[in-house]
All heavy atoms as atom14 arrays in JSON, in Angstrom:
{
  "sequence": "LEWKLAEVGAIATNLEENPKKDITNMMTLLVRDVSAHKDTNTKSND",
  "atom14_mask": [
    [1, 1, 1, 1, 1, 1, 1, 1, 0, 0, 0, 0, 0, 0],
    [1, 1, 1, 1, 1, 1, 1, 1, 1, 0, 0, 0, 0, 0],
    [1, 1, 1, 1, 1, 1, 1, 1, 1, 1, 1, 1, 1, 1],
    [1, 1, 1, 1, 1, 1, 1, 1, 1, 0, 0, 0, 0, 0],
    [1, 1, 1, 1, 1, 1, 1, 1, 0, 0, 0, 0, 0, 0],
    [1, 1, 1, 1, 1, 0, 0, 0, 0, 0, 0, 0, 0, 0],
    [1, 1, 1, 1, 1, 1, 1, 1, 1, 0, 0, 0, 0, 0],
    [1, 1, 1, 1, 1, 1, 1, 0, 0, 0, 0, 0, 0, 0],
    [1, 1, 1, 1, 0, 0, 0, 0, 0, 0, 0, 0, 0, 0],
    [1, 1, 1, 1, 1, 0, 0, 0, 0, 0, 0, 0, 0, 0],
    [1, 1, 1, 1, 1, 1, 1, 1, 0, 0, 0, 0, 0, 0],
    [1, 1, 1, 1, 1, 0, 0, 0, 0, 0, 0, 0, 0, 0],
    [1, 1, 1, 1, 1, 1, 1, 0, 0, 0, 0, 0, 0, 0],
    [1, 1, 1, 1, 1, 1, 1, 1, 0, 0, 0, 0, 0, 0],
    [1, 1, 1, 1, 1, 1, 1, 1, 0, 0, 0, 0, 0, 0],
    [1, 1, 1, 1, 1, 1, 1, 1, 1, 0, 0, 0, 0, 0],
    [1, 1, 1, 1, 1, 1, 1, 1, 1, 0, 0, 0, 0, 0],
    [1, 1, 1, 1, 1, 1, 1, 1, 0, 0, 0, 0, 0, 0],
    [1, 1, 1, 1, 1, 1, 1, 0, 0, 0, 0, 0, 0, 0],
    [1, 1, 1, 1, 1, 1, 1, 1, 1, 0, 0, 0, 0, 0],
    [1, 1, 1, 1, 1, 1, 1, 1, 1, 0, 0, 0, 0, 0],
    [1, 1, 1, 1, 1, 1, 1, 1, 0, 0, 0, 0, 0, 0],
    [1, 1, 1, 1, 1, 1, 1, 1, 0, 0, 0, 0, 0, 0],
    [1, 1, 1, 1, 1, 1, 1, 0, 0, 0, 0, 0, 0, 0],
    [1, 1, 1, 1, 1, 1, 1, 1, 0, 0, 0, 0, 0, 0],
    [1, 1, 1, 1, 1, 1, 1, 1, 0, 0, 0, 0, 0, 0],
    [1, 1, 1, 1, 1, 1, 1, 1, 0, 0, 0, 0, 0, 0],
    [1, 1, 1, 1, 1, 1, 1, 0, 0, 0, 0, 0, 0, 0],
    [1, 1, 1, 1, 1, 1, 1, 1, 0, 0, 0, 0, 0, 0],
    [1, 1, 1, 1, 1, 1, 1, 1, 0, 0, 0, 0, 0, 0],
    [1, 1, 1, 1, 1, 1, 1, 0, 0, 0, 0, 0, 0, 0],
    [1, 1, 1, 1, 1, 1, 1, 1, 1, 1, 1, 0, 0, 0],
    [1, 1, 1, 1, 1, 1, 1, 1, 0, 0, 0, 0, 0, 0],
    [1, 1, 1, 1, 1, 1, 1, 0, 0, 0, 0, 0, 0, 0],
    [1, 1, 1, 1, 1, 1, 0, 0, 0, 0, 0, 0, 0, 0],
    [1, 1, 1, 1, 1, 0, 0, 0, 0, 0, 0, 0, 0, 0],
    [1, 1, 1, 1, 1, 1, 1, 1, 1, 1, 0, 0, 0, 0],
    [1, 1, 1, 1, 1, 1, 1, 1, 1, 0, 0, 0, 0, 0],
    [1, 1, 1, 1, 1, 1, 1, 1, 0, 0, 0, 0, 0, 0],
    [1, 1, 1, 1, 1, 1, 1, 0, 0, 0, 0, 0, 0, 0],
    [1, 1, 1, 1, 1, 1, 1, 1, 0, 0, 0, 0, 0, 0],
    [1, 1, 1, 1, 1, 1, 1, 0, 0, 0, 0, 0, 0, 0],
    [1, 1, 1, 1, 1, 1, 1, 1, 1, 0, 0, 0, 0, 0],
    [1, 1, 1, 1, 1, 1, 0, 0, 0, 0, 0, 0, 0, 0],
    [1, 1, 1, 1, 1, 1, 1, 1, 0, 0, 0, 0, 0, 0],
    [1, 1, 1, 1, 1, 1, 1, 1, 0, 0, 0, 0, 0, 0]
  ],
  "atom14_positions": [
    [[-199.6, -155.23, 84.68], [-200.06, -156.02, 83.53], [-200.55, -157.39, 84.0], [-201.57, -157.9, 83.5], [-198.93, -156.18, 82.52], [-199.26, -156.99, 81.26], [-200.45, -156.41, 80.52], [-198.04, -157.09, 80.35], [0.0, 0.0, 0.0], [0.0, 0.0, 0.0], [0.0, 0.0, 0.0], [0.0, 0.0, 0.0], [0.0, 0.0, 0.0], [0.0, 0.0, 0.0]],
    [[-199.85, -157.98, 84.95], [-200.27, -159.27, 85.51], [-201.67, -159.16, 86.11], [-202.52, -160.04, 85.9], [-199.27, -159.71, 86.58], [-199.63, -161.03, 87.26], [-198.59, -161.46, 88.29], [-197.42, -161.04, 88.16], [-198.94, -162.22, 89.2], [0.0, 0.0, 0.0], [0.0, 0.0, 0.0], [0.0, 0.0, 0.0], [0.0, 0.0, 0.0], [0.0, 0.0, 0.0]],
    [[-201.94, -158.06, 86.81], [-203.25, -157.87, 87.42], [-204.34, -157.73, 86.34], [-205.44, -158.28, 86.48], [-203.24, -156.64, 88.32], [-204.5, -156.46, 89.09], [-205.58, -155.69, 88.75], [-204.85, -157.08, 90.32], [-206.56, -155.77, 89.69], [-206.15, -156.63, 90.68], [-204.18, -157.97, 91.18], [-206.79, -157.03, 91.84], [-204.82, -158.38, 92.34], [-206.1, -157.92, 92.66]],
    [[-204.03, -156.99, 85.28], [-204.99, -156.81, 84.19], [-205.38, -158.15, 83.58], [-206.56, -158.43, 83.33], [-204.4, -155.9, 83.11], [-204.42, -154.41, 83.4], [-203.78, -153.64, 82.27], [-203.96, -152.15, 82.45], [-205.38, -151.73, 82.31], [0.0, 0.0, 0.0], [0.0, 0.0, 0.0], [0.0, 0.0, 0.0], [0.0, 0.0, 0.0], [0.0, 0.0, 0.0]],
    [[-204.39, -158.99, 83.32], [-204.65, -160.29, 82.72], [-205.37, -161.22, 83.68], [-206.17, -162.07, 83.27], [-203.33, -160.92, 82.25], [-202.6, -160.14, 81.15], [-201.25, -160.78, 80.85], [-203.45, -160.07, 79.88], [0.0, 0.0, 0.0], [0.0, 0.0, 0.0], [0.0, 0.0, 0.0], [0.0, 0.0, 0.0], [0.0, 0.0, 0.0], [0.0, 0.0, 0.0]],
    [[-205.1, -161.07, 84.97], [-205.79, -161.89, 85.98], [-207.25, -161.5, 86.08], [-208.12, -162.34, 86.33], [-205.1, -161.74, 87.33], [0.0, 0.0, 0.0], [0.0, 0.0, 0.0], [0.0, 0.0, 0.0], [0.0, 0.0, 0.0], [0.0, 0.0, 0.0], [0.0, 0.0, 0.0], [0.0, 0.0, 0.0], [0.0, 0.0, 0.0], [0.0, 0.0, 0.0]],
    [[-207.55, -160.21, 85.89], [-208.93, -159.74, 85.99], [-209.84, -160.35, 84.93], [-211.04, -160.52, 85.16], [-208.97, -158.21, 85.89], [-208.54, -157.51, 87.18], [-208.75, -156.01, 87.11], [-208.42, -155.4, 86.07], [-209.24, -155.44, 88.1], [0.0, 0.0, 0.0], [0.0, 0.0, 0.0], [0.0, 0.0, 0.0], [0.0, 0.0, 0.0], [0.0, 0.0, 0.0]],
    [[-209.27, -160.69, 83.76], [-210.09, -161.33, 82.72], [-210.03, -162.85, 82.81], [-210.63, -163.55, 82.0], [-209.66, -160.86, 81.31], [-209.89, -159.38, 81.15], [-208.22, -161.23, 81.01], [0.0, 0.0, 0.0], [0.0, 0.0, 0.0], [0.0, 0.0, 0.0], [0.0, 0.0, 0.0], [0.0, 0.0, 0.0], [0.0, 0.0, 0.0], [0.0, 0.0, 0.0]],
    [[-209.28, -163.37, 83.81], [-209.25, -164.81, 84.06], [-208.16, -165.58, 83.37], [-208.09, -166.8, 83.47], [0.0, 0.0, 0.0], [0.0, 0.0, 0.0], [0.0, 0.0, 0.0], [0.0, 0.0, 0.0], [0.0, 0.0, 0.0], [0.0, 0.0, 0.0], [0.0, 0.0, 0.0], [0.0, 0.0, 0.0], [0.0, 0.0, 0.0], [0.0, 0.0, 0.0]],
    [[-207.26, -164.87, 82.66], [-206.25, -165.57, 81.86], [-205.15, -166.21, 82.69], [-204.6, -167.24, 82.3], [-205.63, -164.61, 80.84], [0.0, 0.0, 0.0], [0.0, 0.0, 0.0], [0.0, 0.0, 0.0], [0.0, 0.0, 0.0], [0.0, 0.0, 0.0], [0.0, 0.0, 0.0], [0.0, 0.0, 0.0], [0.0, 0.0, 0.0], [0.0, 0.0, 0.0]],
    [[-204.83, -165.62, 83.82], [-203.77, -166.15, 84.67], [-204.25, -166.18, 86.13], [-205.13, -165.42, 86.52], [-202.46, -165.34, 84.57], [-202.7, -163.87, 84.94], [-201.87, -165.44, 83.17], [-201.45, -163.03, 84.9], [0.0, 0.0, 0.0], [0.0, 0.0, 0.0], [0.0, 0.0, 0.0], [0.0, 0.0, 0.0], [0.0, 0.0, 0.0], [0.0, 0.0, 0.0]],
    [[-203.65, -167.07, 86.9], [-203.98, -167.19, 88.33], [-202.88, -166.49, 89.12], [-201.88, -167.1, 89.5], [-204.09, -168.65, 88.73], [0.0, 0.0, 0.0], [0.0, 0.0, 0.0], [0.0, 0.0, 0.0], [0.0, 0.0, 0.0], [0.0, 0.0, 0.0], [0.0, 0.0, 0.0], [0.0, 0.0, 0.0], [0.0, 0.0, 0.0], [0.0, 0.0, 0.0]],
    [[-203.06, -165.2, 89.34], [-202.03, -164.42, 90.03], [-202.05, -164.66, 91.53], [-203.09, -165.0, 92.11], [-202.23, -162.92, 89.75], [-201.19, -162.17, 90.41], [-203.58, -162.44, 90.26], [0.0, 0.0, 0.0], [0.0, 0.0, 0.0], [0.0, 0.0, 0.0], [0.0, 0.0, 0.0], [0.0, 0.0, 0.0], [0.0, 0.0, 0.0], [0.0, 0.0, 0.0]],
    [[-200.89, -164.44, 92.16], [-200.83, -164.5, 93.62], [-200.81, -163.1, 94.23], [-200.62, -162.94, 95.43], [-199.61, -165.3, 94.08], [-198.31, -164.75, 93.51], [-198.29, -163.71, 92.84], [-197.21, -165.43, 93.77], [0.0, 0.0, 0.0], [0.0, 0.0, 0.0], [0.0, 0.0, 0.0], [0.0, 0.0, 0.0], [0.0, 0.0, 0.0], [0.0, 0.0, 0.0]],
    [[-201.0, -162.08, 93.37], [-201.1, -160.71, 93.87], [-202.42, -160.57, 94.62], [-203.47, -161.02, 94.16], [-201.05, -159.72, 92.71], [-199.76, -159.69, 91.89], [-199.92, -158.76, 90.69], [-198.58, -159.26, 92.75], [0.0, 0.0, 0.0], [0.0, 0.0, 0.0], [0.0, 0.0, 0.0], [0.0, 0.0, 0.0], [0.0, 0.0, 0.0], [0.0, 0.0, 0.0]],
    [[-202.37, -159.92, 95.78], [-203.56, -159.8, 96.62], [-204.42, -158.59, 96.27], [-205.6, -158.56, 96.59], [-203.15, -159.75, 98.09], [-202.48, -161.04, 98.57], [-202.12, -161.01, 100.03], [-202.33, -159.94, 100.66], [-201.64, -162.03, 100.55], [0.0, 0.0, 0.0], [0.0, 0.0, 0.0], [0.0, 0.0, 0.0], [0.0, 0.0, 0.0], [0.0, 0.0, 0.0]],
    [[-203.82, -157.58, 95.65], [-204.59, -156.41, 95.25], [-203.93, -155.73, 94.07], [-202.78, -156.01, 93.74], [-204.75, -155.42, 96.41], [-203.44, -154.88, 96.93], [-203.63, -153.9, 98.07], [-204.76, -153.78, 98.59], [-202.65, -153.22, 98.43], [0.0, 0.0, 0.0], [0.0, 0.0, 0.0], [0.0, 0.0, 0.0], [0.0, 0.0, 0.0], [0.0, 0.0, 0.0]],
    [[-204.69, -154.85, 93.43], [-204.2, -154.14, 92.25], [-202.99, -153.3, 92.62], [-203.08, -152.42, 93.48], [-205.32, -153.25, 91.71], [-204.94, -152.62, 90.38], [-203.8, -152.69, 89.95], [-205.92, -152.02, 89.73], [0.0, 0.0, 0.0], [0.0, 0.0, 0.0], [0.0, 0.0, 0.0], [0.0, 0.0, 0.0], [0.0, 0.0, 0.0], [0.0, 0.0, 0.0]],
    [[-201.83, -153.55, 91.98], [-200.63, -152.77, 92.3], [-200.8, -151.28, 92.0], [-200.07, -150.45, 92.54], [-199.56, -153.38, 91.39], [-200.08, -154.71, 91.01], [-201.56, -154.58, 90.97], [0.0, 0.0, 0.0], [0.0, 0.0, 0.0], [0.0, 0.0, 0.0], [0.0, 0.0, 0.0], [0.0, 0.0, 0.0], [0.0, 0.0, 0.0], [0.0, 0.0, 0.0]],
    [[-201.75, -150.95, 91.13], [-201.96, -149.55, 90.75], [-203.01, -148.88, 91.62], [-203.35, -147.72, 91.42], [-202.4, -149.48, 89.28], [-201.99, -148.19, 88.58], [-202.19, -148.32, 87.09], [-201.68, -147.05, 86.38], [-201.77, -147.17, 84.91], [0.0, 0.0, 0.0], [0.0, 0.0, 0.0], [0.0, 0.0, 0.0], [0.0, 0.0, 0.0], [0.0, 0.0, 0.0]],
    [[-203.52, -149.64, 92.61], [-204.61, -149.13, 93.45], [-204.19, -147.86, 94.2], [-204.93, -146.89, 94.24], [-205.04, -150.2, 94.44], [-206.17, -149.79, 95.36], [-206.54, -150.94, 96.29], [-207.65, -150.53, 97.25], [-208.0, -151.61, 98.19], [0.0, 0.0, 0.0], [0.0, 0.0, 0.0], [0.0, 0.0, 0.0], [0.0, 0.0, 0.0], [0.0, 0.0, 0.0]],
    [[-203.0, -147.86, 94.79], [-202.56, -146.71, 95.57], [-202.41, -145.48, 94.69], [-202.77, -144.37, 95.08], [-201.22, -147.03, 96.25], [-201.37, -148.09, 97.33], [-202.5, -148.27, 97.81], [-200.37, -148.75, 97.66], [0.0, 0.0, 0.0], [0.0, 0.0, 0.0], [0.0, 0.0, 0.0], [0.0, 0.0, 0.0], [0.0, 0.0, 0.0], [0.0, 0.0, 0.0]],
    [[-201.88, -145.69, 93.47], [-201.71, -144.57, 92.55], [-203.06, -144.01, 92.14], [-203.28, -142.81, 92.09], [-200.91, -145.02, 91.3], [-199.52, -145.48, 91.71], [-200.83, -143.89, 90.28], [-198.69, -146.04, 90.58], [0.0, 0.0, 0.0], [0.0, 0.0, 0.0], [0.0, 0.0, 0.0], [0.0, 0.0, 0.0], [0.0, 0.0, 0.0], [0.0, 0.0, 0.0]],
    [[-204.0, -144.92, 91.86], [-205.36, -144.5, 91.47], [-206.02, -143.72, 92.59], [-206.67, -142.69, 92.35], [-206.21, -145.74, 91.12], [-205.56, -146.48, 90.09], [-207.59, -145.32, 90.65], [0.0, 0.0, 0.0], [0.0, 0.0, 0.0], [0.0, 0.0, 0.0], [0.0, 0.0, 0.0], [0.0, 0.0, 0.0], [0.0, 0.0, 0.0], [0.0, 0.0, 0.0]],
    [[-205.87, -144.2, 93.82], [-206.45, -143.5, 94.97], [-205.84, -142.11, 95.15], [-206.55, -141.15, 95.45], [-206.25, -144.32, 96.24], [-207.11, -145.58, 96.26], [-208.08, -145.68, 95.51], [-206.77, -146.53, 97.1], [0.0, 0.0, 0.0], [0.0, 0.0, 0.0], [0.0, 0.0, 0.0], [0.0, 0.0, 0.0], [0.0, 0.0, 0.0], [0.0, 0.0, 0.0]],
    [[-204.52, -142.02, 94.94], [-203.85, -140.73, 95.07], [-204.35, -139.75, 94.01], [-204.59, -138.57, 94.29], [-202.34, -140.92, 94.95], [-201.69, -141.6, 96.17], [-199.93, -141.87, 95.95], [-199.35, -140.18, 95.78], [0.0, 0.0, 0.0], [0.0, 0.0, 0.0], [0.0, 0.0, 0.0], [0.0, 0.0, 0.0], [0.0, 0.0, 0.0], [0.0, 0.0, 0.0]],
    [[-204.52, -140.26, 92.77], [-205.01, -139.4, 91.69], [-206.43, -138.94, 91.99], [-206.79, -137.78, 91.74], [-204.96, -140.16, 90.37], [-203.54, -140.46, 89.87], [-202.61, -138.96, 89.56], [-203.53, -138.28, 88.19], [0.0, 0.0, 0.0], [0.0, 0.0, 0.0], [0.0, 0.0, 0.0], [0.0, 0.0, 0.0], [0.0, 0.0, 0.0], [0.0, 0.0, 0.0]],
    [[-207.26, -139.83, 92.53], [-208.64, -139.48, 92.87], [-208.68, -138.39, 93.93], [-209.44, -137.42, 93.83], [-209.41, -140.72, 93.37], [-209.37, -141.73, 92.36], [-210.85, -140.38, 93.69], [0.0, 0.0, 0.0], [0.0, 0.0, 0.0], [0.0, 0.0, 0.0], [0.0, 0.0, 0.0], [0.0, 0.0, 0.0], [0.0, 0.0, 0.0], [0.0, 0.0, 0.0]],
    [[-207.83, -138.56, 94.95], [-207.77, -137.54, 96.01], [-207.28, -136.22, 95.48], [-207.76, -135.15, 95.86], [-206.85, -138.04, 97.14], [-207.38, -139.21, 97.97], [-206.3, -139.7, 98.95], [-208.63, -138.8, 98.75], [0.0, 0.0, 0.0], [0.0, 0.0, 0.0], [0.0, 0.0, 0.0], [0.0, 0.0, 0.0], [0.0, 0.0, 0.0], [0.0, 0.0, 0.0]],
    [[-206.3, -136.28, 94.55], [-205.75, -135.04, 93.97], [-206.83, -134.31, 93.17], [-206.97, -133.09, 93.29], [-204.56, -135.38, 93.07], [-203.87, -134.19, 92.39], [-203.31, -133.25, 93.44], [-202.75, -134.68, 91.47], [0.0, 0.0, 0.0], [0.0, 0.0, 0.0], [0.0, 0.0, 0.0], [0.0, 0.0, 0.0], [0.0, 0.0, 0.0], [0.0, 0.0, 0.0]],
    [[-207.6, -135.05, 92.39], [-208.68, -134.44, 91.6], [-209.71, -133.82, 92.52], [-210.2, -132.71, 92.27], [-209.34, -135.51, 90.69], [-210.61, -134.94, 90.05], [-208.36, -135.95, 89.61], [0.0, 0.0, 0.0], [0.0, 0.0, 0.0], [0.0, 0.0, 0.0], [0.0, 0.0, 0.0], [0.0, 0.0, 0.0], [0.0, 0.0, 0.0], [0.0, 0.0, 0.0]],
    [[-210.04, -134.51, 93.61], [-211.01, -133.97, 94.58], [-210.5, -132.69, 95.21], [-211.24, -131.72, 95.4], [-211.3, -135.01, 95.66], [-212.15, -136.19, 95.18], [-212.33, -137.2, 96.29], [-213.13, -138.33, 95.84], [-213.35, -139.41, 96.58], [-212.87, -139.49, 97.82], [-214.08, -140.4, 96.09], [0.0, 0.0, 0.0], [0.0, 0.0, 0.0], [0.0, 0.0, 0.0]],
    [[-209.2, -132.68, 95.56], [-208.62, -131.49, 96.18], [-208.66, -130.31, 95.23], [-208.96, -129.18, 95.62], [-207.17, -131.77, 96.61], [-207.09, -132.72, 97.8], [-208.13, -132.89, 98.47], [-206.01, -133.28, 98.05], [0.0, 0.0, 0.0], [0.0, 0.0, 0.0], [0.0, 0.0, 0.0], [0.0, 0.0, 0.0], [0.0, 0.0, 0.0], [0.0, 0.0, 0.0]],
    [[-208.33, -130.59, 93.96], [-208.35, -129.52, 92.95], [-209.76, -128.99, 92.77], [-209.99, -127.78, 92.7], [-207.78, -130.04, 91.61], [-208.0, -129.0, 90.51], [-206.31, -130.37, 91.74], [0.0, 0.0, 0.0], [0.0, 0.0, 0.0], [0.0, 0.0, 0.0], [0.0, 0.0, 0.0], [0.0, 0.0, 0.0], [0.0, 0.0, 0.0], [0.0, 0.0, 0.0]],
    [[-210.74, -129.9, 92.72], [-212.14, -129.49, 92.56], [-212.62, -128.67, 93.74], [-213.3, -127.65, 93.59], [-213.03, -130.73, 92.39], [-212.67, -131.46, 91.24], [0.0, 0.0, 0.0], [0.0, 0.0, 0.0], [0.0, 0.0, 0.0], [0.0, 0.0, 0.0], [0.0, 0.0, 0.0], [0.0, 0.0, 0.0], [0.0, 0.0, 0.0], [0.0, 0.0, 0.0]],
    [[-212.24, -129.14, 94.95], [-212.63, -128.42, 96.16], [-212.01, -127.03, 96.2], [-212.64, -126.05, 96.6], [-212.22, -129.22, 97.4], [0.0, 0.0, 0.0], [0.0, 0.0, 0.0], [0.0, 0.0, 0.0], [0.0, 0.0, 0.0], [0.0, 0.0, 0.0], [0.0, 0.0, 0.0], [0.0, 0.0, 0.0], [0.0, 0.0, 0.0], [0.0, 0.0, 0.0]],
    [[-210.74, -126.93, 95.73], [-210.05, -125.65, 95.71], [-210.73, -124.69, 94.73], [-210.9, -123.5, 95.02], [-208.59, -125.87, 95.3], [-207.76, -124.63, 95.32], [-207.46, -123.96, 96.48], [-207.18, -123.92, 94.31], [-206.72, -122.9, 96.2], [-206.53, -122.86, 94.88], [0.0, 0.0, 0.0], [0.0, 0.0, 0.0], [0.0, 0.0, 0.0], [0.0, 0.0, 0.0]],
    [[-211.14, -125.24, 93.57], [-211.84, -124.4, 92.59], [-213.17, -123.91, 93.14], [-213.54, -122.74, 92.96], [-212.08, -125.2, 91.31], [-210.81, -125.41, 90.48], [-211.15, -126.18, 89.2], [-209.9, -126.36, 88.35], [-210.21, -127.11, 87.1], [0.0, 0.0, 0.0], [0.0, 0.0, 0.0], [0.0, 0.0, 0.0], [0.0, 0.0, 0.0], [0.0, 0.0, 0.0]],
    [[-213.9, -124.78, 93.83], [-215.18, -124.39, 94.42], [-215.01, -123.29, 95.45], [-215.79, -122.34, 95.53], [-215.87, -125.6, 95.06], [-216.33, -126.61, 94.03], [-216.43, -126.24, 92.85], [-216.57, -127.79, 94.42], [0.0, 0.0, 0.0], [0.0, 0.0, 0.0], [0.0, 0.0, 0.0], [0.0, 0.0, 0.0], [0.0, 0.0, 0.0], [0.0, 0.0, 0.0]],
    [[-213.94, -123.41, 96.26], [-213.67, -122.41, 97.29], [-213.37, -121.06, 96.66], [-213.86, -120.01, 97.1], [-212.49, -122.86, 98.17], [-212.81, -124.12, 98.77], [-212.21, -121.84, 99.26], [0.0, 0.0, 0.0], [0.0, 0.0, 0.0], [0.0, 0.0, 0.0], [0.0, 0.0, 0.0], [0.0, 0.0, 0.0], [0.0, 0.0, 0.0], [0.0, 0.0, 0.0]],
    [[-212.54, -121.07, 95.6], [-212.19, -119.83, 94.91], [-213.41, -119.19, 94.28], [-213.58, -117.97, 94.29], [-211.13, -120.09, 93.83], [-209.76, -120.38, 94.44], [-209.52, -120.04, 95.59], [-208.87, -120.99, 93.66], [0.0, 0.0, 0.0], [0.0, 0.0, 0.0], [0.0, 0.0, 0.0], [0.0, 0.0, 0.0], [0.0, 0.0, 0.0], [0.0, 0.0, 0.0]],
    [[-214.28, -120.07, 93.73], [-215.49, -119.55, 93.09], [-216.39, -118.85, 94.11], [-216.91, -117.75, 93.87], [-216.27, -120.69, 92.41], [-215.44, -121.31, 91.44], [-217.54, -120.17, 91.75], [0.0, 0.0, 0.0], [0.0, 0.0, 0.0], [0.0, 0.0, 0.0], [0.0, 0.0, 0.0], [0.0, 0.0, 0.0], [0.0, 0.0, 0.0], [0.0, 0.0, 0.0]],
    [[-216.55, -119.5, 95.27], [-217.38, -118.91, 96.31], [-216.76, -117.61, 96.83], [-217.45, -116.64, 97.11], [-217.55, -119.9, 97.46], [-218.41, -121.1, 97.09], [-218.51, -122.07, 98.25], [-219.37, -123.28, 97.86], [-219.47, -124.26, 98.96], [0.0, 0.0, 0.0], [0.0, 0.0, 0.0], [0.0, 0.0, 0.0], [0.0, 0.0, 0.0], [0.0, 0.0, 0.0]],
    [[-215.42, -117.58, 96.95], [-214.74, -116.38, 97.44], [-214.94, -115.24, 96.45], [-215.19, -114.08, 96.83], [-213.25, -116.66, 97.62], [-213.07, -117.65, 98.6], [0.0, 0.0, 0.0], [0.0, 0.0, 0.0], [0.0, 0.0, 0.0], [0.0, 0.0, 0.0], [0.0, 0.0, 0.0], [0.0, 0.0, 0.0], [0.0, 0.0, 0.0], [0.0, 0.0, 0.0]],
    [[-214.84, -115.54, 95.18], [-215.02, -114.51, 94.16], [-216.44, -113.97, 94.16], [-216.68, -112.78, 93.96], [-214.69, -115.08, 92.77], [-213.2, -115.37, 92.62], [-212.39, -114.75, 93.29], [-212.87, -116.29, 91.72], [0.0, 0.0, 0.0], [0.0, 0.0, 0.0], [0.0, 0.0, 0.0], [0.0, 0.0, 0.0], [0.0, 0.0, 0.0], [0.0, 0.0, 0.0]],
    [[-217.41, -114.88, 94.42], [-218.81, -114.45, 94.47], [-219.04, -113.47, 95.63], [-219.79, -112.5, 95.53], [-219.74, -115.65, 94.63], [-219.8, -116.48, 93.35], [-219.4, -115.96, 92.3], [-220.2, -117.66, 93.42], [0.0, 0.0, 0.0], [0.0, 0.0, 0.0], [0.0, 0.0, 0.0], [0.0, 0.0, 0.0], [0.0, 0.0, 0.0], [0.0, 0.0, 0.0]]
  ]
}
């Protein structure tokens, strides 16, 4: 929440990066893996 408020300029945070960045990156990688797995299955079925 501190990061969100800092992004709009309301507070001067001392956080160096978004605390949710690692979680977001993990979710992105998970979605990519799922998509890649679906593509592989589709090609195998073809």
